[in-house]
Amino acid sequence: MRVHQICHNEIHATFTEAELARDYNTPEALRAHPRMQRFLSWVAKRPPTFHARSSGGRRKKR
């Protein structure tokens, strides 16, 4: 699946690889997560060329 780089960065700042493989392996599952819903609402107001650093550190550290 192709996504904008800013979206890719946010996905990996939010979820671990294991969570992505197990629970969020479809676009629908990613969009259903509350944090991703907030991010998508925010980024939808930006131009397609917009890029910003992800804040990181949101996912659970093990």
Protein backbone atom coordinates (compact mmCIF):
# COMPACT_ATOMS: atom_id res chain seq x y z
CA MET A 1 0.00 0.00 0.00
CA ARG A 2 1.36 3.42 -0.92
CA VAL A 3 1.04 6.27 1.56
CA HIS A 4 2.50 9.77 1.85
CA GLN A 5 5.77 9.86 3.78
CA ILE A 6 4.22 11.93 6.58
CA CYS A 7 1.51 9.26 7.01
CA HIS A 8 4.10 6.48 6.95
CA ASN A 9 6.08 8.26 9.66
CA GLU A 10 2.99 8.74 11.82
CA ILE A 11 2.01 5.08 11.47
CA HIS A 12 5.44 3.93 12.65
CA ALA A 13 5.52 6.53 15.44
CA THR A 14 2.19 5.19 16.70
CA PHE A 15 2.42 1.41 16.23
CA THR A 16 5.06 -1.26 16.68
CA GLU A 17 5.84 -3.61 13.80
CA ALA A 18 4.08 -6.40 15.73
CA GLU A 19 0.93 -4.30 16.19
CA LEU A 20 0.90 -3.45 12.49
CA ALA A 21 1.23 -7.10 11.50
CA ARG A 22 -1.29 -8.38 14.03
CA ASP A 23 -3.94 -5.67 14.39
CA TYR A 24 -3.51 -2.88 11.84
CA ASN A 25 -2.73 -4.70 8.60
CA THR A 26 -5.44 -3.05 6.48
CA PRO A 27 -6.11 0.60 5.60
CA GLU A 28 -9.52 0.29 7.28
CA ALA A 29 -8.01 -0.92 10.56
CA LEU A 30 -5.48 1.92 10.56
CA ARG A 31 -8.18 4.51 9.85
CA ALA A 32 -10.36 3.13 12.67
CA HIS A 33 -7.75 3.80 15.38
CA PRO A 34 -8.62 7.01 17.32
CA ARG A 35 -5.09 8.46 17.14
CA MET A 36 -4.93 7.89 13.39
CA GLN A 37 -8.40 9.42 12.96
CA ARG A 38 -7.18 12.60 14.67
CA PHE A 39 -4.01 12.64 12.57
CA LEU A 40 -5.90 12.07 9.31
CA SER A 41 -8.36 14.87 10.14
CA TRP A 42 -5.43 17.18 10.85
CA VAL A 43 -3.32 16.25 7.81
CA ALA A 44 -6.33 16.42 5.44
CA LYS A 45 -6.28 20.21 5.93
CA ARG A 46 -2.69 20.42 4.60
CA PRO A 47 -1.57 20.60 0.97
CA PRO A 48 -0.39 17.32 -0.64
CA THR A 49 3.22 18.50 -0.52
CA PHE A 50 3.10 19.25 3.22
CA HIS A 51 5.74 17.53 5.32
CA ALA A 52 6.47 17.74 9.03
CA ARG A 53 8.35 15.61 11.49
CA SER A 54 6.30 13.11 13.48
CA SER A 55 6.40 13.73 17.19
CA GLY A 56 7.29 10.09 17.89
CA GLY A 57 7.30 8.42 21.24
CA ARG A 58 3.61 7.62 21.23
CA ARG A 59 3.80 3.87 20.96
CA LYS A 60 4.28 1.71 24.00
CA LYS A 61 7.91 1.07 24.79
CA ARG A 62 8.82 -2.46 25.77
